[in-house]
Amino acid sequence: MKSSRGRARFGVLVPFTNSNLEPDMAMMCPEGVSLHFGRMGGYDEDKIPDEKQMHGLGAADLDEPLRLLMGVKPDVVIYGCTSATLTHGLQFDSALAERIRSSSGAKTVTAAGALVNALKTLGTRRIGFASPYVKAINDMAVNFLDDAGIRTIARSEVDETLDNEGQGALGTSRVLELGLRADHPEADAVVLSCTDMRSVEVLSQLEQELGKPVICSNQAMVFQAMQMLEIFEPIQGFGQLLDQVGTCNQHN
């Protein structure tokens, strides 16, 4: 049986309606690492998670959820929402990570920053992008990645407007389809963005069908947290990024 404690602690801040980040983290968690979660608000669960709602989440006060999470003294704090900082921009994402790091004393990972870290670690410059977001957030995501030096040359979006529950309930067959539609012959990798989309479960199948790396928010966060703690044992079954963690060097 895999040990679930004793080596390190991941403290994860998760949007309060998110139903997939916690089970995803449990599946990918390295040997001896324990997981500790704190839920955060700043948006209306009954409204569509559009750019205004996610902008509000990104700007929400983290003092109380972070204070409670720090009760377990995590080694790494993970900010588990991608769109919350995509809607503010690259500089905001970096500043948020620094604020969390300064107030907590822990190493810090953000979901959007982890995507950039993973893509740069793999030497990726051109991607296909897929998400369950509204179009306006996808536009912001493309600009965010472009500012980080990563060009989006193909894009895949859901046909309908999904509420918070709908994003989390999107089935793996739909996620697989989104990923396949995001591919382009000139793309170095495909990105599946959103911590509440069931991307982790289809990473290996997508990579087999596309013949290239597939990066998703939750996988990228685990990867960067492992880099920061110098945990380099591969984690099998969740894409090339974690399969090859021992041979990848952090870019920053």
C-alpha atoms as a PDB file:
ATOM      1  CA  MET A   1       0.000   0.000   0.000  1.00  0.00           C
ATOM      2  CA  LYS A   2       1.263   3.463  -0.918  1.00  0.00           C
ATOM      3  CA  SER A   3       2.220   5.616   2.064  1.00  0.00           C
ATOM      4  CA  SER A   4       0.021   8.711   2.348  1.00  0.00           C
ATOM      5  CA  ARG A   5       2.103  10.785   4.745  1.00  0.00           C
ATOM      6  CA  GLY A   6       5.491  11.499   6.263  1.00  0.00           C
ATOM      7  CA  ARG A   7       7.356  12.939   3.283  1.00  0.00           C
ATOM      8  CA  ALA A   8       5.650  16.251   2.544  1.00  0.00           C
ATOM      9  CA  ARG A   9       2.303  18.036   2.680  1.00  0.00           C
ATOM     10  CA  PHE A  10       0.437  19.654  -0.195  1.00  0.00           C
ATOM     11  CA  GLY A  11      -2.042  22.325   0.883  1.00  0.00           C
ATOM     12  CA  VAL A  12      -4.588  22.986  -1.875  1.00  0.00           C
ATOM     13  CA  LEU A  13      -6.939  25.957  -2.197  1.00  0.00           C
ATOM     14  CA  VAL A  14      -9.936  24.820  -4.240  1.00  0.00           C
ATOM     15  CA  PRO A  15     -13.034  26.730  -5.469  1.00  0.00           C
ATOM     16  CA  PHE A  16     -15.958  25.690  -3.293  1.00  0.00           C
ATOM     17  CA  THR A  17     -18.008  24.175  -6.142  1.00  0.00           C
ATOM     18  CA  ASN A  18     -15.111  22.203  -7.628  1.00  0.00           C
ATOM     19  CA  SER A  19     -15.772  18.450  -7.439  1.00  0.00           C
ATOM     20  CA  ASN A  20     -12.824  17.044  -9.444  1.00  0.00           C
ATOM     21  CA  LEU A  21      -9.605  18.591  -8.154  1.00  0.00           C
ATOM     22  CA  GLU A  22      -9.544  16.588  -4.922  1.00  0.00           C
ATOM     23  CA  PRO A  23     -10.019  13.136  -6.498  1.00  0.00           C
ATOM     24  CA  ASP A  24      -7.531  14.030  -9.243  1.00  0.00           C
ATOM     25  CA  MET A  25      -4.909  15.011  -6.684  1.00  0.00           C
ATOM     26  CA  ALA A  26      -5.518  11.800  -4.776  1.00  0.00           C
ATOM     27  CA  MET A  27      -4.909   9.738  -7.936  1.00  0.00           C
ATOM     28  CA  MET A  28      -1.636  11.506  -8.776  1.00  0.00           C
ATOM     29  CA  CYS A  29      -0.273  12.110  -5.290  1.00  0.00           C
ATOM     30  CA  PRO A  30       3.382  11.063  -4.871  1.00  0.00           C
ATOM     31  CA  GLU A  31       4.399   8.421  -2.357  1.00  0.00           C
ATOM     32  CA  GLY A  32       4.488   9.764   1.202  1.00  0.00           C
ATOM     33  CA  VAL A  33       2.768  13.080   0.421  1.00  0.00           C
ATOM     34  CA  SER A  34      -0.416  14.022   2.268  1.00  0.00           C
ATOM     35  CA  LEU A  35      -3.136  16.241   0.808  1.00  0.00           C
ATOM     36  CA  HIS A  36      -4.937  18.994   2.709  1.00  0.00           C
ATOM     37  CA  PHE A  37      -7.678  21.133   1.172  1.00  0.00           C
ATOM     38  CA  GLY A  38      -9.223  24.502   1.910  1.00  0.00           C
ATOM     39  CA  ARG A  39     -12.213  25.807  -0.043  1.00  0.00           C
ATOM     40  CA  MET A  40     -12.437  29.364  -1.317  1.00  0.00           C
ATOM     41  CA  GLY A  41     -15.251  31.573  -2.575  1.00  0.00           C
ATOM     42  CA  GLY A  42     -15.539  34.918  -4.316  1.00  0.00           C
ATOM     43  CA  TYR A  43     -18.074  33.905  -6.976  1.00  0.00           C
ATOM     44  CA  ASP A  44     -21.775  33.005  -7.204  1.00  0.00           C
ATOM     45  CA  GLU A  45     -22.383  29.264  -7.596  1.00  0.00           C
ATOM     46  CA  ASP A  46     -25.735  29.936  -9.327  1.00  0.00           C
ATOM     47  CA  LYS A  47     -24.238  32.086 -12.081  1.00  0.00           C
ATOM     48  CA  ILE A  48     -22.350  31.042 -15.192  1.00  0.00           C
ATOM     49  CA  PRO A  49     -18.600  30.993 -14.410  1.00  0.00           C
ATOM     50  CA  ASP A  50     -17.845  33.668 -16.981  1.00  0.00           C
ATOM     51  CA  GLU A  51     -15.007  36.180 -17.045  1.00  0.00           C
ATOM     52  CA  LYS A  52     -16.696  38.439 -14.446  1.00  0.00           C
ATOM     53  CA  GLN A  53     -17.289  35.596 -11.983  1.00  0.00           C
ATOM     54  CA  MET A  54     -13.778  34.164 -12.354  1.00  0.00           C
ATOM     55  CA  HIS A  55     -12.250  37.635 -12.156  1.00  0.00           C
ATOM     56  CA  GLY A  56     -14.055  37.967  -8.824  1.00  0.00           C
ATOM     57  CA  LEU A  57     -12.649  34.659  -7.604  1.00  0.00           C
ATOM     58  CA  GLY A  58      -9.128  35.726  -8.524  1.00  0.00           C
ATOM     59  CA  ALA A  59      -9.543  38.999  -6.622  1.00  0.00           C
ATOM     60  CA  ALA A  60     -11.194  37.405  -3.564  1.00  0.00           C
ATOM     61  CA  ASP A  61      -9.615  37.748  -0.120  1.00  0.00           C
ATOM     62  CA  LEU A  62      -7.595  34.624   0.675  1.00  0.00           C
ATOM     63  CA  ASP A  63      -6.620  35.551   4.223  1.00  0.00           C
ATOM     64  CA  GLU A  64      -9.093  33.268   6.024  1.00  0.00           C
ATOM     65  CA  PRO A  65      -8.920  30.134   3.806  1.00  0.00           C
ATOM     66  CA  LEU A  66      -5.133  30.439   3.732  1.00  0.00           C
ATOM     67  CA  ARG A  67      -4.949  30.915   7.520  1.00  0.00           C
ATOM     68  CA  LEU A  68      -6.996  27.780   8.080  1.00  0.00           C
ATOM     69  CA  LEU A  69      -4.990  25.788   5.549  1.00  0.00           C
ATOM     70  CA  MET A  70      -1.735  26.828   7.205  1.00  0.00           C
ATOM     71  CA  GLY A  71      -2.894  24.999  10.340  1.00  0.00           C
ATOM     72  CA  VAL A  72      -1.383  21.824   8.841  1.00  0.00           C
ATOM     73  CA  LYS A  73       1.870  23.611   7.868  1.00  0.00           C
ATOM     74  CA  PRO A  74       1.980  22.528   4.205  1.00  0.00           C
ATOM     75  CA  ASP A  75       5.293  22.462   2.374  1.00  0.00           C
ATOM     76  CA  VAL A  76       3.612  23.671  -0.823  1.00  0.00           C
ATOM     77  CA  VAL A  77       0.449  25.744  -1.210  1.00  0.00           C
ATOM     78  CA  ILE A  78      -1.370  25.090  -4.496  1.00  0.00           C
ATOM     79  CA  TYR A  79      -3.854  27.660  -5.815  1.00  0.00           C
ATOM     80  CA  GLY A  80      -6.295  25.361  -7.585  1.00  0.00           C
ATOM     81  CA  CYS A  81      -8.155  27.489 -10.116  1.00  0.00           C
ATOM     82  CA  THR A  82      -6.831  28.243 -13.592  1.00  0.00           C
ATOM     83  CA  SER A  83      -9.391  30.714 -14.921  1.00  0.00           C
ATOM     84  CA  ALA A  84      -9.303  32.861 -11.770  1.00  0.00           C
ATOM     85  CA  THR A  85      -5.876  34.192 -12.728  1.00  0.00           C
ATOM     86  CA  LEU A  86      -6.125  33.721 -16.504  1.00  0.00           C
ATOM     87  CA  THR A  87      -8.769  36.467 -16.393  1.00  0.00           C
ATOM     88  CA  HIS A  88      -6.347  38.843 -14.641  1.00  0.00           C
ATOM     89  CA  GLY A  89      -3.202  38.198 -16.647  1.00  0.00           C
ATOM     90  CA  LEU A  90       0.314  36.850 -16.292  1.00  0.00           C
ATOM     91  CA  GLN A  91       1.627  39.538 -13.936  1.00  0.00           C
ATOM     92  CA  PHE A  92      -1.334  39.107 -11.592  1.00  0.00           C
ATOM     93  CA  ASP A  93      -0.743  35.350 -11.484  1.00  0.00           C
ATOM     94  CA  SER A  94       2.906  35.844 -10.526  1.00  0.00           C
ATOM     95  CA  ALA A  95       1.989  38.485  -7.941  1.00  0.00           C
ATOM     96  CA  LEU A  96      -0.661  36.213  -6.395  1.00  0.00           C
ATOM     97  CA  ALA A  97       1.866  33.399  -6.055  1.00  0.00           C
ATOM     98  CA  GLU A  98       4.283  35.793  -4.370  1.00  0.00           C
ATOM     99  CA  ARG A  99       1.607  37.051  -1.960  1.00  0.00           C
ATOM    100  CA  ILE A 100       0.704  33.504  -0.942  1.00  0.00           C
ATOM    101  CA  ARG A 101       4.376  32.606  -0.573  1.00  0.00           C
ATOM    102  CA  SER A 102       5.110  35.698   1.538  1.00  0.00           C
ATOM    103  CA  SER A 103       2.155  35.240   3.882  1.00  0.00           C
ATOM    104  CA  SER A 104       2.455  31.465   4.247  1.00  0.00           C
ATOM    105  CA  GLY A 105       6.192  30.866   4.092  1.00  0.00           C
ATOM    106  CA  ALA A 106       5.450  27.864   1.844  1.00  0.00           C
ATOM    107  CA  LYS A 107       6.471  27.203  -1.727  1.00  0.00           C
ATOM    108  CA  THR A 108       3.580  28.185  -3.992  1.00  0.00           C
ATOM    109  CA  VAL A 109       2.046  26.877  -7.212  1.00  0.00           C
ATOM    110  CA  THR A 110      -0.794  28.447  -9.196  1.00  0.00           C
ATOM    111  CA  ALA A 111      -2.757  26.467 -11.761  1.00  0.00           C
ATOM    112  CA  ALA A 112      -2.139  28.903 -14.616  1.00  0.00           C
ATOM    113  CA  GLY A 113       1.515  29.313 -13.688  1.00  0.00           C
ATOM    114  CA  ALA A 114       1.889  25.534 -13.531  1.00  0.00           C
ATOM    115  CA  LEU A 115       0.650  25.212 -17.122  1.00  0.00           C
ATOM    116  CA  VAL A 116       3.302  27.692 -18.244  1.00  0.00           C
ATOM    117  CA  ASN A 117       5.969  25.919 -16.192  1.00  0.00           C
ATOM    118  CA  ALA A 118       5.075  22.525 -17.680  1.00  0.00           C
ATOM    119  CA  LEU A 119       5.018  23.800 -21.256  1.00  0.00           C
ATOM    120  CA  LYS A 120       8.348  25.590 -20.879  1.00  0.00           C
ATOM    121  CA  THR A 121       9.901  22.575 -19.176  1.00  0.00           C
ATOM    122  CA  LEU A 122       8.954  20.517 -22.234  1.00  0.00           C
ATOM    123  CA  GLY A 123      10.229  23.212 -24.607  1.00  0.00           C
ATOM    124  CA  THR A 124       6.746  23.800 -26.009  1.00  0.00           C
ATOM    125  CA  ARG A 125       6.123  26.938 -28.055  1.00  0.00           C
ATOM    126  CA  ARG A 126       2.914  26.127 -30.001  1.00  0.00           C
ATOM    127  CA  ILE A 127      -0.157  24.488 -28.576  1.00  0.00           C
ATOM    128  CA  GLY A 128      -3.710  23.417 -29.164  1.00  0.00           C
ATOM    129  CA  PHE A 129      -5.963  24.663 -26.352  1.00  0.00           C
ATOM    130  CA  ALA A 130      -9.186  23.188 -24.975  1.00  0.00           C
ATOM    131  CA  SER A 131     -11.394  24.104 -22.019  1.00  0.00           C
ATOM    132  CA  PRO A 132     -15.008  24.143 -20.776  1.00  0.00           C
ATOM    133  CA  TYR A 133     -14.858  27.950 -20.395  1.00  0.00           C
ATOM    134  CA  VAL A 134     -16.981  30.614 -22.037  1.00  0.00           C
ATOM    135  CA  LYS A 135     -15.392  32.116 -25.157  1.00  0.00           C
ATOM    136  CA  ALA A 136     -14.281  35.315 -23.412  1.00  0.00           C
ATOM    137  CA  ILE A 137     -12.195  33.374 -20.870  1.00  0.00           C
ATOM    138  CA  ASN A 138     -10.654  31.314 -23.672  1.00  0.00           C
ATOM    139  CA  ASP A 139      -9.647  34.574 -25.361  1.00  0.00           C
ATOM    140  CA  MET A 140      -8.018  35.691 -22.119  1.00  0.00           C
ATOM    141  CA  ALA A 141      -6.287  32.330 -21.734  1.00  0.00           C
ATOM    142  CA  VAL A 142      -4.797  32.595 -25.215  1.00  0.00           C
ATOM    143  CA  ASN A 143      -3.504  36.101 -24.402  1.00  0.00           C
ATOM    144  CA  PHE A 144      -2.115  34.911 -21.045  1.00  0.00           C
ATOM    145  CA  LEU A 145      -0.166  32.120 -22.708  1.00  0.00           C
ATOM    146  CA  ASP A 146       0.965  34.384 -25.521  1.00  0.00           C
ATOM    147  CA  ASP A 147       2.415  36.799 -22.950  1.00  0.00           C
ATOM    148  CA  ALA A 148       4.341  33.810 -21.565  1.00  0.00           C
ATOM    149  CA  GLY A 149       5.774  33.061 -25.015  1.00  0.00           C
ATOM    150  CA  ILE A 150       3.410  30.215 -25.883  1.00  0.00           C
ATOM    151  CA  ARG A 151       1.379  30.558 -29.056  1.00  0.00           C
ATOM    152  CA  THR A 152      -2.054  28.944 -29.424  1.00  0.00           C
ATOM    153  CA  ILE A 153      -2.551  27.764 -33.002  1.00  0.00           C
ATOM    154  CA  ALA A 154      -5.717  25.692 -32.513  1.00  0.00           C
ATOM    155  CA  ARG A 155      -8.625  25.921 -30.106  1.00  0.00           C
ATOM    156  CA  SER A 156     -11.483  23.677 -29.015  1.00  0.00           C
ATOM    157  CA  GLU A 157     -14.535  24.897 -27.092  1.00  0.00           C
ATOM    158  CA  VAL A 158     -17.726  23.380 -25.741  1.00  0.00           C
ATOM    159  CA  ASP A 159     -20.834  24.051 -27.812  1.00  0.00           C
ATOM    160  CA  GLU A 160     -23.015  25.012 -24.845  1.00  0.00           C
ATOM    161  CA  THR A 161     -22.573  27.425 -21.937  1.00  0.00           C
ATOM    162  CA  LEU A 162     -21.800  25.366 -18.846  1.00  0.00           C
ATOM    163  CA  ASP A 163     -22.576  26.360 -15.269  1.00  0.00           C
ATOM    164  CA  ASN A 164     -20.301  25.385 -12.370  1.00  0.00           C
ATOM    165  CA  GLU A 165     -21.950  22.001 -11.933  1.00  0.00           C
ATOM    166  CA  GLY A 166     -21.923  21.393 -15.695  1.00  0.00           C
ATOM    167  CA  GLN A 167     -18.189  21.975 -15.986  1.00  0.00           C
ATOM    168  CA  GLY A 168     -17.499  19.453 -13.252  1.00  0.00           C
ATOM    169  CA  ALA A 169     -19.963  16.954 -14.693  1.00  0.00           C
ATOM    170  CA  LEU A 170     -18.484  16.982 -18.200  1.00  0.00           C
ATOM    171  CA  GLY A 171     -17.839  13.315 -18.971  1.00  0.00           C
ATOM    172  CA  THR A 172     -14.473  11.880 -19.950  1.00  0.00           C
ATOM    173  CA  SER A 173     -15.702  11.087 -23.479  1.00  0.00           C
ATOM    174  CA  ARG A 174     -16.504  14.769 -23.984  1.00  0.00           C
ATOM    175  CA  VAL A 175     -13.141  15.804 -22.568  1.00  0.00           C
ATOM    176  CA  LEU A 176     -11.402  13.353 -24.895  1.00  0.00           C
ATOM    177  CA  GLU A 177     -13.303  14.818 -27.843  1.00  0.00           C
ATOM    178  CA  LEU A 178     -12.340  18.349 -26.812  1.00  0.00           C
ATOM    179  CA  GLY A 179      -8.693  17.354 -26.683  1.00  0.00           C
ATOM    180  CA  LEU A 180      -8.760  15.664 -30.068  1.00  0.00           C
ATOM    181  CA  ARG A 181     -10.408  18.704 -31.666  1.00  0.00           C
ATOM    182  CA  ALA A 182      -7.771  21.007 -30.176  1.00  0.00           C
ATOM    183  CA  ASP A 183      -4.911  19.317 -31.995  1.00  0.00           C
ATOM    184  CA  HIS A 184      -3.069  20.780 -34.968  1.00  0.00           C
ATOM    185  CA  PRO A 185      -0.193  19.273 -36.994  1.00  0.00           C
ATOM    186  CA  GLU A 186       2.063  22.179 -35.981  1.00  0.00           C
ATOM    187  CA  ALA A 187       1.158  22.055 -32.275  1.00  0.00           C
ATOM    188  CA  ASP A 188       3.922  20.755 -29.996  1.00  0.00           C
ATOM    189  CA  ALA A 189       1.386  19.817 -27.303  1.00  0.00           C
ATOM    190  CA  VAL A 190      -2.284  20.058 -26.364  1.00  0.00           C
ATOM    191  CA  VAL A 191      -3.453  21.865 -23.225  1.00  0.00           C
ATOM    192  CA  LEU A 192      -6.633  21.012 -21.306  1.00  0.00           C
ATOM    193  CA  SER A 193      -7.314  23.948 -18.998  1.00  0.00           C
ATOM    194  CA  CYS A 194      -9.572  23.853 -15.916  1.00  0.00           C
ATOM    195  CA  THR A 195      -9.080  22.250 -12.510  1.00  0.00           C
ATOM    196  CA  ASP A 196     -12.721  21.067 -12.478  1.00  0.00           C
ATOM    197  CA  MET A 197     -12.615  19.262 -15.847  1.00  0.00           C
ATOM    198  CA  ARG A 198     -11.966  15.501 -15.850  1.00  0.00           C
ATOM    199  CA  SER A 199      -8.821  15.740 -17.960  1.00  0.00           C
ATOM    200  CA  VAL A 200      -6.485  13.625 -15.832  1.00  0.00           C
ATOM    201  CA  GLU A 201      -8.341  10.429 -16.701  1.00  0.00           C
ATOM    202  CA  VAL A 202      -7.871  10.831 -20.473  1.00  0.00           C
ATOM    203  CA  LEU A 203      -4.282  12.102 -20.629  1.00  0.00           C
ATOM    204  CA  SER A 204      -2.654   8.807 -21.583  1.00  0.00           C
ATOM    205  CA  GLN A 205      -5.272   7.943 -24.205  1.00  0.00           C
ATOM    206  CA  LEU A 206      -5.027  11.391 -25.764  1.00  0.00           C
ATOM    207  CA  GLU A 207      -1.249  11.190 -25.925  1.00  0.00           C
ATOM    208  CA  GLN A 208      -1.436   7.790 -27.608  1.00  0.00           C
ATOM    209  CA  GLU A 209      -3.884   9.067 -30.211  1.00  0.00           C
ATOM    210  CA  LEU A 210      -2.140  12.388 -30.839  1.00  0.00           C
ATOM    211  CA  GLY A 211       1.482  11.294 -30.532  1.00  0.00           C
ATOM    212  CA  LYS A 212       2.433  14.353 -28.475  1.00  0.00           C
ATOM    213  CA  PRO A 213       2.321  15.566 -24.854  1.00  0.00           C
ATOM    214  CA  VAL A 214      -0.988  16.575 -23.325  1.00  0.00           C
ATOM    215  CA  ILE A 215      -0.891  18.927 -20.351  1.00  0.00           C
ATOM    216  CA  CYS A 216      -3.778  19.657 -17.997  1.00  0.00           C
ATOM    217  CA  SER A 217      -4.112  21.986 -15.029  1.00  0.00           C
ATOM    218  CA  ASN A 218      -4.169  19.404 -12.235  1.00  0.00           C
ATOM    219  CA  GLN A 219      -1.339  17.290 -13.657  1.00  0.00           C
ATOM    220  CA  ALA A 220       0.793  20.431 -14.164  1.00  0.00           C
ATOM    221  CA  MET A 221       0.238  21.545 -10.556  1.00  0.00           C
ATOM    222  CA  VAL A 222       1.373  18.180  -9.182  1.00  0.00           C
ATOM    223  CA  PHE A 223       4.401  18.278 -11.491  1.00  0.00           C
ATOM    224  CA  GLN A 224       5.523  21.725 -10.340  1.00  0.00           C
ATOM    225  CA  ALA A 225       4.932  20.940  -6.676  1.00  0.00           C
ATOM    226  CA  MET A 226       7.093  17.821  -7.068  1.00  0.00           C
ATOM    227  CA  GLN A 227       9.819  19.879  -8.756  1.00  0.00           C
ATOM    228  CA  MET A 228       9.803  22.381  -5.914  1.00  0.00           C
ATOM    229  CA  LEU A 229      10.222  19.619  -3.341  1.00  0.00           C
ATOM    230  CA  GLU A 230      12.737  17.721  -5.494  1.00  0.00           C
ATOM    231  CA  ILE A 231      10.538  14.637  -5.689  1.00  0.00           C
ATOM    232  CA  PHE A 232      11.583  13.044  -8.944  1.00  0.00           C
ATOM    233  CA  GLU A 233      10.027   9.576  -8.965  1.00  0.00           C
ATOM    234  CA  PRO A 234       7.840   9.125 -12.068  1.00  0.00           C
ATOM    235  CA  ILE A 235       4.089   8.770 -11.602  1.00  0.00           C
ATOM    236  CA  GLN A 236       2.743   6.460 -14.262  1.00  0.00           C
ATOM    237  CA  GLY A 237      -0.551   6.723 -16.098  1.00  0.00           C
ATOM    238  CA  PHE A 238      -1.050  10.484 -16.244  1.00  0.00           C
ATOM    239  CA  GLY A 239       0.837  11.606 -19.311  1.00  0.00           C
ATOM    240  CA  GLN A 240       4.432  12.119 -20.355  1.00  0.00           C
ATOM    241  CA  LEU A 241       4.922  15.050 -17.987  1.00  0.00           C
ATOM    242  CA  LEU A 242       4.646  12.900 -14.852  1.00  0.00           C
ATOM    243  CA  ASP A 243       6.090   9.792 -16.524  1.00  0.00           C
ATOM    244  CA  GLN A 244       9.298  11.748 -17.123  1.00  0.00           C
ATOM    245  CA  VAL A 245       9.370  13.900 -13.988  1.00  0.00           C
ATOM    246  CA  GLY A 246      12.794  12.595 -13.033  1.00  0.00           C
ATOM    247  CA  THR A 247      14.370  13.837 -16.274  1.00  0.00           C
ATOM    248  CA  CYS A 248      12.697  17.266 -16.376  1.00  0.00           C
ATOM    249  CA  ASN A 249      14.312  20.316 -14.851  1.00  0.00           C
ATOM    250  CA  GLN A 250      12.319  23.276 -13.612  1.00  0.00           C
ATOM    251  CA  HIS A 251      12.701  26.215 -15.986  1.00  0.00           C
ATOM    252  CA  ASN A 252      12.705  28.969 -13.381  1.00  0.00           C
END
